[in-house]
């Protein structure tokens, strides 16, 4: 099994990812600039296309079962990564990060996320192989997280309460400006961290929290560490482009969080029933896709309805004048 066993698949895949990231930062985004919606859509299509091409390779060399597991895992991770966008918007607004510097933060944030998730996946795989009963803990945790997400109307983000950020502010001298997107700068011969470094650290710690939710979810689909890792990587690689596509309209997807809550709960239940009743991967893929479509369609209809009501109120107000 070339795709899932041995050291070489891991080496080749990670080398491929490093090349992609080097091209991204060193060639295509060498200079800081505001990413347009058109550019973000193109890059989103590129990352999704690469993931689907990889999925096709798994289908050809490994068969439909692993290919379906990868696709389902990728869709789960992709949908859950949307939740990161809500938080990124709040963080960048709170720290007043200029749009031209946001891609740089997300690039290095993605690099750190890949390392952290790789470690978490390795730990999760070892735990499941050694202690099978942990799958029930994962399942219960996901059900709890999904229910909490569904009942929670609004989750405030308080970067100033981040313990890592508090510690860094005590031990690191920080400059007052972003110094054109640098993480460190010199002032009167003294090396200072810029606020951009603090933002990056908050982004990294925030992603670690999200990873704790998303990593167990994919183990409900497959126990193959290579499939778990690669589906995670492709979902994370496309997160930056997805952010620039949805950053200005993410608040309009009113029911998306509810959809993600349903997905987490469903995946948790699937894990709890793993030894009692096997839910086919194809059915899971269908359920997740339907939930996402319904959440998006319902959100669009809500926006249109509220827009129409706003328009009617404006007309009534104008007529009364």
C-alpha atoms as a PDB file:
ATOM      1  CA  UNK A   1       0.000   0.000   0.000  1.00  0.00           C
ATOM      2  CA  UNK A   2       2.107   2.860  -1.287  1.00  0.00           C
ATOM      3  CA  UNK A   3      -0.191   5.618  -0.142  1.00  0.00           C
ATOM      4  CA  UNK A   4      -0.685   4.614   3.464  1.00  0.00           C
ATOM      5  CA  UNK A   5       2.273   2.528   4.628  1.00  0.00           C
ATOM      6  CA  UNK A   6       6.001   3.097   4.940  1.00  0.00           C
ATOM      7  CA  UNK A   7       8.038   6.252   5.414  1.00  0.00           C
ATOM      8  CA  UNK A   8       8.221   7.380   1.789  1.00  0.00           C
ATOM      9  CA  UNK A   9       4.607   8.512   1.393  1.00  0.00           C
ATOM     10  CA  UNK A  10       5.087  10.808   4.380  1.00  0.00           C
ATOM     11  CA  UNK A  11       8.390  12.152   3.102  1.00  0.00           C
ATOM     12  CA  UNK A  12       7.102  12.776  -0.425  1.00  0.00           C
ATOM     13  CA  UNK A  13       3.845  14.345   0.709  1.00  0.00           C
ATOM     14  CA  UNK A  14       5.501  16.699   3.189  1.00  0.00           C
ATOM     15  CA  UNK A  15       8.131  17.652   0.593  1.00  0.00           C
ATOM     16  CA  UNK A  16       5.275  18.440  -1.796  1.00  0.00           C
ATOM     17  CA  UNK A  17       3.618  20.632   0.854  1.00  0.00           C
ATOM     18  CA  UNK A  18       6.876  22.474   1.582  1.00  0.00           C
ATOM     19  CA  UNK A  19       7.318  23.217  -2.136  1.00  0.00           C
ATOM     20  CA  UNK A  20       3.748  24.537  -2.336  1.00  0.00           C
ATOM     21  CA  UNK A  21       4.233  26.779   0.690  1.00  0.00           C
ATOM     22  CA  UNK A  22       7.579  28.049  -0.623  1.00  0.00           C
ATOM     23  CA  UNK A  23       5.989  28.948  -3.960  1.00  0.00           C
ATOM     24  CA  UNK A  24       3.057  30.571  -2.176  1.00  0.00           C
ATOM     25  CA  UNK A  25       5.114  32.893   0.034  1.00  0.00           C
ATOM     26  CA  UNK A  26       8.286  33.242  -2.052  1.00  0.00           C
ATOM     27  CA  UNK A  27       6.741  33.714  -5.493  1.00  0.00           C
ATOM     28  CA  UNK A  28       3.016  34.387  -5.585  1.00  0.00           C
ATOM     29  CA  UNK A  29       2.785  36.402  -2.349  1.00  0.00           C
ATOM     30  CA  UNK A  30       6.304  37.721  -2.113  1.00  0.00           C
ATOM     31  CA  UNK A  31       5.098  41.258  -1.491  1.00  0.00           C
ATOM     32  CA  UNK A  32       2.438  42.119   1.074  1.00  0.00           C
ATOM     33  CA  UNK A  33      -0.803  43.204  -0.559  1.00  0.00           C
ATOM     34  CA  UNK A  34      -4.523  43.155   0.012  1.00  0.00           C
ATOM     35  CA  UNK A  35      -5.900  39.891  -1.351  1.00  0.00           C
ATOM     36  CA  UNK A  36      -8.894  40.520  -3.597  1.00  0.00           C
ATOM     37  CA  UNK A  37     -11.959  38.296  -3.676  1.00  0.00           C
ATOM     38  CA  UNK A  38     -11.111  37.229  -7.237  1.00  0.00           C
ATOM     39  CA  UNK A  39      -7.580  36.200  -6.235  1.00  0.00           C
ATOM     40  CA  UNK A  40      -8.912  34.347  -3.193  1.00  0.00           C
ATOM     41  CA  UNK A  41     -11.463  32.479  -5.327  1.00  0.00           C
ATOM     42  CA  UNK A  42      -8.740  31.414  -7.763  1.00  0.00           C
ATOM     43  CA  UNK A  43      -6.514  30.145  -4.967  1.00  0.00           C
ATOM     44  CA  UNK A  44      -9.443  28.373  -3.315  1.00  0.00           C
ATOM     45  CA  UNK A  45     -10.105  26.575  -6.588  1.00  0.00           C
ATOM     46  CA  UNK A  46      -6.404  25.650  -6.817  1.00  0.00           C
ATOM     47  CA  UNK A  47      -6.282  24.155  -3.310  1.00  0.00           C
ATOM     48  CA  UNK A  48      -9.553  22.278  -3.758  1.00  0.00           C
ATOM     49  CA  UNK A  49      -8.360  21.030  -7.149  1.00  0.00           C
ATOM     50  CA  UNK A  50      -5.121  19.734  -5.619  1.00  0.00           C
ATOM     51  CA  UNK A  51      -7.073  17.933  -2.884  1.00  0.00           C
ATOM     52  CA  UNK A  52      -9.381  16.305  -5.424  1.00  0.00           C
ATOM     53  CA  UNK A  53      -6.399  15.321  -7.606  1.00  0.00           C
ATOM     54  CA  UNK A  54      -4.793  13.696  -4.575  1.00  0.00           C
ATOM     55  CA  UNK A  55      -8.084  11.971  -3.841  1.00  0.00           C
ATOM     56  CA  UNK A  56      -8.116  10.635  -7.400  1.00  0.00           C
ATOM     57  CA  UNK A  57      -4.599   9.267  -6.874  1.00  0.00           C
ATOM     58  CA  UNK A  58      -5.772   7.415  -3.767  1.00  0.00           C
ATOM     59  CA  UNK A  59      -8.702   6.013  -5.752  1.00  0.00           C
ATOM     60  CA  UNK A  60      -6.430   4.763  -8.539  1.00  0.00           C
ATOM     61  CA  UNK A  61      -3.717   3.245  -6.320  1.00  0.00           C
ATOM     62  CA  UNK A  62      -5.676   2.282  -3.198  1.00  0.00           C
ATOM     63  CA  UNK A  63      -9.261   1.785  -4.310  1.00  0.00           C
ATOM     64  CA  UNK A  64     -12.608   3.457  -3.581  1.00  0.00           C
ATOM     65  CA  UNK A  65     -12.752   2.748   0.168  1.00  0.00           C
ATOM     66  CA  UNK A  66      -9.733   4.829   1.165  1.00  0.00           C
ATOM     67  CA  UNK A  67     -10.622   7.452  -1.436  1.00  0.00           C
ATOM     68  CA  UNK A  68     -14.081   7.812   0.131  1.00  0.00           C
ATOM     69  CA  UNK A  69     -12.538   8.043   3.586  1.00  0.00           C
ATOM     70  CA  UNK A  70     -10.220  10.826   2.421  1.00  0.00           C
ATOM     71  CA  UNK A  71     -13.043  12.750   0.743  1.00  0.00           C
ATOM     72  CA  UNK A  72     -15.299  12.467   3.803  1.00  0.00           C
ATOM     73  CA  UNK A  73     -12.475  13.442   6.137  1.00  0.00           C
ATOM     74  CA  UNK A  74     -11.549  16.378   3.909  1.00  0.00           C
ATOM     75  CA  UNK A  75     -15.161  17.613   3.868  1.00  0.00           C
ATOM     76  CA  UNK A  76     -15.391  17.346   7.655  1.00  0.00           C
ATOM     77  CA  UNK A  77     -12.151  19.252   8.200  1.00  0.00           C
ATOM     78  CA  UNK A  78     -13.005  21.803   5.511  1.00  0.00           C
ATOM     79  CA  UNK A  79     -16.397  22.536   7.044  1.00  0.00           C
ATOM     80  CA  UNK A  80     -15.030  22.743  10.589  1.00  0.00           C
ATOM     81  CA  UNK A  81     -12.232  25.057   9.443  1.00  0.00           C
ATOM     82  CA  UNK A  82     -14.896  27.592   8.472  1.00  0.00           C
ATOM     83  CA  UNK A  83     -15.411  28.164  12.190  1.00  0.00           C
ATOM     84  CA  UNK A  84     -11.827  29.468  12.320  1.00  0.00           C
ATOM     85  CA  UNK A  85     -12.823  32.269   9.955  1.00  0.00           C
ATOM     86  CA  UNK A  86     -15.271  33.734  12.474  1.00  0.00           C
ATOM     87  CA  UNK A  87     -12.471  33.985  15.023  1.00  0.00           C
ATOM     88  CA  UNK A  88      -9.874  35.291  12.546  1.00  0.00           C
ATOM     89  CA  UNK A  89     -12.204  38.148  11.580  1.00  0.00           C
ATOM     90  CA  UNK A  90     -12.604  39.114  15.240  1.00  0.00           C
ATOM     91  CA  UNK A  91      -8.867  38.829  15.951  1.00  0.00           C
ATOM     92  CA  UNK A  92      -7.806  40.941  12.983  1.00  0.00           C
ATOM     93  CA  UNK A  93     -10.423  43.542  13.874  1.00  0.00           C
ATOM     94  CA  UNK A  94      -9.373  43.613  17.529  1.00  0.00           C
ATOM     95  CA  UNK A  95      -5.671  44.032  16.692  1.00  0.00           C
ATOM     96  CA  UNK A  96      -6.421  46.375  13.750  1.00  0.00           C
ATOM     97  CA  UNK A  97      -4.329  44.306  11.340  1.00  0.00           C
ATOM     98  CA  UNK A  98      -4.165  45.901   7.888  1.00  0.00           C
ATOM     99  CA  UNK A  99      -5.585  43.692   5.093  1.00  0.00           C
ATOM    100  CA  UNK A 100      -2.207  43.622   3.307  1.00  0.00           C
ATOM    101  CA  UNK A 101      -0.590  41.929   6.354  1.00  0.00           C
ATOM    102  CA  UNK A 102      -3.307  39.344   7.002  1.00  0.00           C
ATOM    103  CA  UNK A 103      -2.062  36.832   4.418  1.00  0.00           C
ATOM    104  CA  UNK A 104       1.405  36.801   6.021  1.00  0.00           C
ATOM    105  CA  UNK A 105      -0.052  36.007   9.432  1.00  0.00           C
ATOM    106  CA  UNK A 106      -2.274  33.269   8.013  1.00  0.00           C
ATOM    107  CA  UNK A 107       0.647  31.769   6.067  1.00  0.00           C
ATOM    108  CA  UNK A 108       2.818  31.315   9.152  1.00  0.00           C
ATOM    109  CA  UNK A 109      -0.270  30.376  11.129  1.00  0.00           C
ATOM    110  CA  UNK A 110      -0.960  27.564   8.676  1.00  0.00           C
ATOM    111  CA  UNK A 111       2.642  26.378   8.913  1.00  0.00           C
ATOM    112  CA  UNK A 112       2.390  26.166  12.684  1.00  0.00           C
ATOM    113  CA  UNK A 113      -1.028  24.509  12.452  1.00  0.00           C
ATOM    114  CA  UNK A 114       0.364  21.775  10.199  1.00  0.00           C
ATOM    115  CA  UNK A 115       3.055  20.948  12.749  1.00  0.00           C
ATOM    116  CA  UNK A 116       0.664  20.971  15.703  1.00  0.00           C
ATOM    117  CA  UNK A 117      -1.959  18.882  13.940  1.00  0.00           C
ATOM    118  CA  UNK A 118       0.643  16.389  12.808  1.00  0.00           C
ATOM    119  CA  UNK A 119       1.675  15.903  16.432  1.00  0.00           C
ATOM    120  CA  UNK A 120      -1.950  15.630  17.605  1.00  0.00           C
ATOM    121  CA  UNK A 121      -2.762  13.087  14.898  1.00  0.00           C
ATOM    122  CA  UNK A 122       0.274  11.019  15.895  1.00  0.00           C
ATOM    123  CA  UNK A 123      -0.767  11.068  19.549  1.00  0.00           C
ATOM    124  CA  UNK A 124      -4.385  10.277  18.674  1.00  0.00           C
ATOM    125  CA  UNK A 125      -3.381   7.328  16.486  1.00  0.00           C
ATOM    126  CA  UNK A 126      -1.182   5.821  19.197  1.00  0.00           C
ATOM    127  CA  UNK A 127      -3.889   6.259  21.823  1.00  0.00           C
ATOM    128  CA  UNK A 128      -6.568   4.607  19.674  1.00  0.00           C
ATOM    129  CA  UNK A 129      -4.307   1.691  18.811  1.00  0.00           C
ATOM    130  CA  UNK A 130      -3.276   1.208  22.439  1.00  0.00           C
ATOM    131  CA  UNK A 131      -6.537   2.018  24.205  1.00  0.00           C
ATOM    132  CA  UNK A 132      -9.510   1.354  21.935  1.00  0.00           C
ATOM    133  CA  UNK A 133     -11.960   2.613  24.561  1.00  0.00           C
ATOM    134  CA  UNK A 134     -10.671   6.164  24.011  1.00  0.00           C
ATOM    135  CA  UNK A 135     -12.874   6.257  20.915  1.00  0.00           C
ATOM    136  CA  UNK A 136     -15.838   6.563  23.293  1.00  0.00           C
ATOM    137  CA  UNK A 137     -14.212   9.530  25.022  1.00  0.00           C
ATOM    138  CA  UNK A 138     -13.651  11.159  21.628  1.00  0.00           C
ATOM    139  CA  UNK A 139     -17.262  10.481  20.675  1.00  0.00           C
ATOM    140  CA  UNK A 140     -18.684  11.836  23.929  1.00  0.00           C
ATOM    141  CA  UNK A 141     -16.463  14.912  23.662  1.00  0.00           C
ATOM    142  CA  UNK A 142     -17.672  15.636  20.115  1.00  0.00           C
ATOM    143  CA  UNK A 143     -21.328  15.201  21.095  1.00  0.00           C
ATOM    144  CA  UNK A 144     -20.798  17.585  24.024  1.00  0.00           C
ATOM    145  CA  UNK A 145     -18.977  20.092  21.808  1.00  0.00           C
ATOM    146  CA  UNK A 146     -21.649  19.894  19.104  1.00  0.00           C
ATOM    147  CA  UNK A 147     -24.508  20.446  21.572  1.00  0.00           C
ATOM    148  CA  UNK A 148     -22.658  23.318  23.217  1.00  0.00           C
ATOM    149  CA  UNK A 149     -21.962  24.923  19.842  1.00  0.00           C
ATOM    150  CA  UNK A 150     -25.612  24.569  18.846  1.00  0.00           C
ATOM    151  CA  UNK A 151     -26.943  26.117  22.078  1.00  0.00           C
ATOM    152  CA  UNK A 152     -24.381  28.896  22.249  1.00  0.00           C
ATOM    153  CA  UNK A 153     -25.751  31.911  20.397  1.00  0.00           C
ATOM    154  CA  UNK A 154     -22.591  33.985  20.588  1.00  0.00           C
ATOM    155  CA  UNK A 155     -19.077  33.197  21.705  1.00  0.00           C
ATOM    156  CA  UNK A 156     -17.054  36.275  22.486  1.00  0.00           C
ATOM    157  CA  UNK A 157     -13.343  36.215  21.728  1.00  0.00           C
ATOM    158  CA  UNK A 158     -11.074  37.946  24.240  1.00  0.00           C
ATOM    159  CA  UNK A 159      -7.490  37.925  22.933  1.00  0.00           C
ATOM    160  CA  UNK A 160      -6.327  39.976  25.910  1.00  0.00           C
ATOM    161  CA  UNK A 161      -7.202  37.033  28.181  1.00  0.00           C
ATOM    162  CA  UNK A 162      -4.979  34.614  26.260  1.00  0.00           C
ATOM    163  CA  UNK A 163      -2.457  33.332  28.856  1.00  0.00           C
ATOM    164  CA  UNK A 164       0.306  32.896  26.264  1.00  0.00           C
ATOM    165  CA  UNK A 165      -0.200  36.484  25.096  1.00  0.00           C
ATOM    166  CA  UNK A 166      -0.049  37.767  28.686  1.00  0.00           C
ATOM    167  CA  UNK A 167       3.208  35.885  29.284  1.00  0.00           C
ATOM    168  CA  UNK A 168       4.825  37.163  26.084  1.00  0.00           C
ATOM    169  CA  UNK A 169       3.906  40.746  26.868  1.00  0.00           C
ATOM    170  CA  UNK A 170       5.725  40.372  30.167  1.00  0.00           C
ATOM    171  CA  UNK A 171       8.940  38.901  28.771  1.00  0.00           C
ATOM    172  CA  UNK A 172       9.080  40.482  25.283  1.00  0.00           C
ATOM    173  CA  UNK A 173       9.439  44.188  24.534  1.00  0.00           C
ATOM    174  CA  UNK A 174       6.811  45.084  21.915  1.00  0.00           C
ATOM    175  CA  UNK A 175       6.910  47.986  19.449  1.00  0.00           C
ATOM    176  CA  UNK A 176       3.987  50.310  18.851  1.00  0.00           C
ATOM    177  CA  UNK A 177       3.636  49.749  15.095  1.00  0.00           C
ATOM    178  CA  UNK A 178       3.550  46.802  12.677  1.00  0.00           C
ATOM    179  CA  UNK A 179       6.658  47.969  10.755  1.00  0.00           C
ATOM    180  CA  UNK A 180       5.350  46.891   7.332  1.00  0.00           C
ATOM    181  CA  UNK A 181       4.476  43.334   8.262  1.00  0.00           C
ATOM    182  CA  UNK A 182       7.635  42.353  10.127  1.00  0.00           C
ATOM    183  CA  UNK A 183       7.520  40.196  13.236  1.00  0.00           C
ATOM    184  CA  UNK A 184      10.599  41.860  14.747  1.00  0.00           C
ATOM    185  CA  UNK A 185      12.011  45.353  14.397  1.00  0.00           C
ATOM    186  CA  UNK A 186      14.814  47.477  15.825  1.00  0.00           C
ATOM    187  CA  UNK A 187      14.293  50.730  17.642  1.00  0.00           C
ATOM    188  CA  UNK A 188      17.316  52.677  18.892  1.00  0.00           C
ATOM    189  CA  UNK A 189      19.398  49.533  18.459  1.00  0.00           C
ATOM    190  CA  UNK A 190      17.004  47.455  20.554  1.00  0.00           C
ATOM    191  CA  UNK A 191      15.302  44.357  19.115  1.00  0.00           C
ATOM    192  CA  UNK A 192      11.549  44.516  19.601  1.00  0.00           C
ATOM    193  CA  UNK A 193       8.664  42.224  18.713  1.00  0.00           C
ATOM    194  CA  UNK A 194       5.953  43.878  16.655  1.00  0.00           C
ATOM    195  CA  UNK A 195       2.218  43.475  17.435  1.00  0.00           C
ATOM    196  CA  UNK A 196       2.084  41.232  14.356  1.00  0.00           C
ATOM    197  CA  UNK A 197       4.022  38.553  16.246  1.00  0.00           C
ATOM    198  CA  UNK A 198       1.502  38.710  19.070  1.00  0.00           C
ATOM    199  CA  UNK A 199      -1.353  38.299  16.587  1.00  0.00           C
ATOM    200  CA  UNK A 200       0.387  35.269  15.072  1.00  0.00           C
ATOM    201  CA  UNK A 201       0.768  33.657  18.490  1.00  0.00           C
ATOM    202  CA  UNK A 202      -2.910  34.209  19.300  1.00  0.00           C
ATOM    203  CA  UNK A 203      -3.857  32.707  15.922  1.00  0.00           C
ATOM    204  CA  UNK A 204      -1.693  29.649  16.642  1.00  0.00           C
ATOM    205  CA  UNK A 205      -3.114  29.062  20.109  1.00  0.00           C
ATOM    206  CA  UNK A 206      -6.648  29.558  18.782  1.00  0.00           C
ATOM    207  CA  UNK A 207      -6.056  26.960  16.066  1.00  0.00           C
ATOM    208  CA  UNK A 208      -4.799  24.548  18.708  1.00  0.00           C
ATOM    209  CA  UNK A 209      -8.176  24.821  20.435  1.00  0.00           C
ATOM    210  CA  UNK A 210      -9.978  24.162  17.136  1.00  0.00           C
ATOM    211  CA  UNK A 211      -7.695  21.199  16.417  1.00  0.00           C
ATOM    212  CA  UNK A 212      -8.789  19.555  19.656  1.00  0.00           C
ATOM    213  CA  UNK A 213     -12.340  19.545  18.218  1.00  0.00           C
ATOM    214  CA  UNK A 214     -11.567  18.629  14.622  1.00  0.00           C
ATOM    215  CA  UNK A 215      -8.888  15.935  15.003  1.00  0.00           C
ATOM    216  CA  UNK A 216     -11.108  13.470  16.927  1.00  0.00           C
ATOM    217  CA  UNK A 217     -13.877  14.031  14.367  1.00  0.00           C
ATOM    218  CA  UNK A 218     -11.924  12.553  11.483  1.00  0.00           C
ATOM    219  CA  UNK A 219     -11.069   9.419  13.471  1.00  0.00           C
ATOM    220  CA  UNK A 220     -14.763   8.576  13.182  1.00  0.00           C
ATOM    221  CA  UNK A 221     -14.185   8.144   9.438  1.00  0.00           C
ATOM    222  CA  UNK A 222     -10.799   6.407   9.309  1.00  0.00           C
ATOM    223  CA  UNK A 223      -8.016   5.168  11.573  1.00  0.00           C
ATOM    224  CA  UNK A 224      -5.410   5.400   8.811  1.00  0.00           C
ATOM    225  CA  UNK A 225      -3.004   8.109  10.078  1.00  0.00           C
ATOM    226  CA  UNK A 226      -1.874   9.041   6.559  1.00  0.00           C
ATOM    227  CA  UNK A 227      -5.461   9.648   5.403  1.00  0.00           C
ATOM    228  CA  UNK A 228      -6.207  11.592   8.594  1.00  0.00           C
ATOM    229  CA  UNK A 229      -3.081  13.719   8.151  1.00  0.00           C
ATOM    230  CA  UNK A 230      -3.378  14.439   4.434  1.00  0.00           C
ATOM    231  CA  UNK A 231      -7.074  15.358   4.596  1.00  0.00           C
ATOM    232  CA  UNK A 232      -6.256  17.740   7.470  1.00  0.00           C
ATOM    233  CA  UNK A 233      -3.351  19.284   5.591  1.00  0.00           C
ATOM    234  CA  UNK A 234      -5.369  19.968   2.433  1.00  0.00           C
ATOM    235  CA  UNK A 235      -8.194  21.502   4.477  1.00  0.00           C
ATOM    236  CA  UNK A 236      -5.751  23.770   6.352  1.00  0.00           C
ATOM    237  CA  UNK A 237      -3.849  24.770   3.197  1.00  0.00           C
ATOM    238  CA  UNK A 238      -7.055  26.116   1.686  1.00  0.00           C
ATOM    239  CA  UNK A 239      -8.088  27.962   4.846  1.00  0.00           C
ATOM    240  CA  UNK A 240      -6.271  31.213   3.999  1.00  0.00           C
ATOM    241  CA  UNK A 241      -7.971  31.586   0.616  1.00  0.00           C
ATOM    242  CA  UNK A 242     -11.296  30.629   2.166  1.00  0.00           C
ATOM    243  CA  UNK A 243     -10.820  33.377   4.740  1.00  0.00           C
ATOM    244  CA  UNK A 244     -10.377  36.071   2.094  1.00  0.00           C
ATOM    245  CA  UNK A 245     -13.434  34.761   0.225  1.00  0.00           C
ATOM    246  CA  UNK A 246     -15.762  34.754   3.230  1.00  0.00           C
ATOM    247  CA  UNK A 247     -14.230  37.304   5.647  1.00  0.00           C
ATOM    248  CA  UNK A 248     -16.625  40.087   4.656  1.00  0.00           C
ATOM    249  CA  UNK A 249     -19.749  37.925   4.378  1.00  0.00           C
ATOM    250  CA  UNK A 250     -19.218  35.209   6.996  1.00  0.00           C
ATOM    251  CA  UNK A 251     -21.629  36.960   9.380  1.00  0.00           C
ATOM    252  CA  UNK A 252     -24.416  36.420   6.847  1.00  0.00           C
ATOM    253  CA  UNK A 253     -24.156  32.628   7.137  1.00  0.00           C
ATOM    254  CA  UNK A 254     -26.435  32.669  10.152  1.00  0.00           C
ATOM    255  CA  UNK A 255     -27.166  28.936  10.275  1.00  0.00           C
ATOM    256  CA  UNK A 256     -23.661  27.698   9.415  1.00  0.00           C
ATOM    257  CA  UNK A 257     -22.632  27.351  13.051  1.00  0.00           C
ATOM    258  CA  UNK A 258     -25.782  25.319  13.718  1.00  0.00           C
ATOM    259  CA  UNK A 259     -24.857  23.101  10.759  1.00  0.00           C
ATOM    260  CA  UNK A 260     -21.363  22.567  12.143  1.00  0.00           C
ATOM    261  CA  UNK A 261     -22.894  21.688  15.502  1.00  0.00           C
ATOM    262  CA  UNK A 262     -25.053  19.031  13.843  1.00  0.00           C
ATOM    263  CA  UNK A 263     -22.014  17.615  12.018  1.00  0.00           C
ATOM    264  CA  UNK A 264     -19.948  17.400  15.221  1.00  0.00           C
ATOM    265  CA  UNK A 265     -22.823  15.747  17.080  1.00  0.00           C
ATOM    266  CA  UNK A 266     -23.410  13.270  14.251  1.00  0.00           C
ATOM    267  CA  UNK A 267     -19.718  12.352  14.089  1.00  0.00           C
ATOM    268  CA  UNK A 268     -19.640  11.924  17.869  1.00  0.00           C
ATOM    269  CA  UNK A 269     -22.646   9.593  17.787  1.00  0.00           C
ATOM    270  CA  UNK A 270     -20.978   7.641  14.963  1.00  0.00           C
ATOM    271  CA  UNK A 271     -17.929   7.088  17.177  1.00  0.00           C
ATOM    272  CA  UNK A 272     -20.063   6.028  20.156  1.00  0.00           C
ATOM    273  CA  UNK A 273     -21.829   3.442  17.980  1.00  0.00           C
ATOM    274  CA  UNK A 274     -18.644   2.224  16.280  1.00  0.00           C
ATOM    275  CA  UNK A 275     -18.628  -1.200  17.988  1.00  0.00           C
ATOM    276  CA  UNK A 276     -22.410  -1.617  17.901  1.00  0.00           C
ATOM    277  CA  UNK A 277     -23.495  -0.398  14.484  1.00  0.00           C
ATOM    278  CA  UNK A 278     -21.237   0.541  11.586  1.00  0.00           C
ATOM    279  CA  UNK A 279     -22.406   3.624   9.710  1.00  0.00           C
ATOM    280  CA  UNK A 280     -21.032   3.445   6.137  1.00  0.00           C
ATOM    281  CA  UNK A 281     -18.598   6.177   5.140  1.00  0.00           C
ATOM    282  CA  UNK A 282     -20.701   6.957   2.051  1.00  0.00           C
ATOM    283  CA  UNK A 283     -23.711   7.656   4.279  1.00  0.00           C
ATOM    284  CA  UNK A 284     -21.607   9.936   6.489  1.00  0.00           C
ATOM    285  CA  UNK A 285     -20.413  11.845   3.435  1.00  0.00           C
ATOM    286  CA  UNK A 286     -24.006  12.267   2.283  1.00  0.00           C
ATOM    287  CA  UNK A 287     -25.228  13.427   5.701  1.00  0.00           C
ATOM    288  CA  UNK A 288     -22.428  15.981   6.077  1.00  0.00           C
ATOM    289  CA  UNK A 289     -22.958  17.338   2.559  1.00  0.00           C
ATOM    290  CA  UNK A 290     -26.734  17.656   3.071  1.00  0.00           C
ATOM    291  CA  UNK A 291     -26.308  19.442   6.421  1.00  0.00           C
ATOM    292  CA  UNK A 292     -23.859  21.942   4.921  1.00  0.00           C
ATOM    293  CA  UNK A 293     -26.076  22.633   1.908  1.00  0.00           C
ATOM    294  CA  UNK A 294     -29.161  23.100   4.090  1.00  0.00           C
ATOM    295  CA  UNK A 295     -27.285  25.449   6.451  1.00  0.00           C
ATOM    296  CA  UNK A 296     -25.998  27.572   3.560  1.00  0.00           C
ATOM    297  CA  UNK A 297     -29.333  27.681   1.708  1.00  0.00           C
ATOM    298  CA  UNK A 298     -31.231  28.549   4.894  1.00  0.00           C
ATOM    299  CA  UNK A 299     -28.732  31.339   5.615  1.00  0.00           C
ATOM    300  CA  UNK A 300     -29.084  32.780   2.099  1.00  0.00           C
ATOM    301  CA  UNK A 301     -32.889  32.696   2.345  1.00  0.00           C
ATOM    302  CA  UNK A 302     -32.739  34.418   5.721  1.00  0.00           C
ATOM    303  CA  UNK A 303     -30.524  37.188   4.332  1.00  0.00           C
ATOM    304  CA  UNK A 304     -32.881  37.714   1.390  1.00  0.00           C
ATOM    305  CA  UNK A 305     -35.900  37.813   3.666  1.00  0.00           C
ATOM    306  CA  UNK A 306     -34.305  40.247   6.102  1.00  0.00           C
ATOM    307  CA  UNK A 307     -33.137  42.354   3.154  1.00  0.00           C
ATOM    308  CA  UNK A 308     -36.646  42.503   1.801  1.00  0.00           C
ATOM    309  CA  UNK A 309     -38.029  43.470   5.193  1.00  0.00           C
ATOM    310  CA  UNK A 310     -35.387  46.190   5.516  1.00  0.00           C
ATOM    311  CA  UNK A 311     -36.304  47.475   2.085  1.00  0.00           C
ATOM    312  CA  UNK A 312     -40.010  47.572   2.966  1.00  0.00           C
ATOM    313  CA  UNK A 313     -39.284  49.433   6.191  1.00  0.00           C
ATOM    314  CA  UNK A 314     -37.214  51.983   4.296  1.00  0.00           C
ATOM    315  CA  UNK A 315     -40.044  52.486   1.795  1.00  0.00           C
ATOM    316  CA  UNK A 316     -42.569  52.930   4.628  1.00  0.00           C
ATOM    317  CA  UNK A 317     -40.251  55.402   6.347  1.00  0.00           C
ATOM    318  CA  UNK A 318     -39.798  57.375   3.105  1.00  0.00           C
ATOM    319  CA  UNK A 319     -43.551  57.431   2.446  1.00  0.00           C
ATOM    320  CA  UNK A 320     -44.302  58.657   5.965  1.00  0.00           C
ATOM    321  CA  UNK A 321     -41.966  61.581   5.398  1.00  0.00           C
END
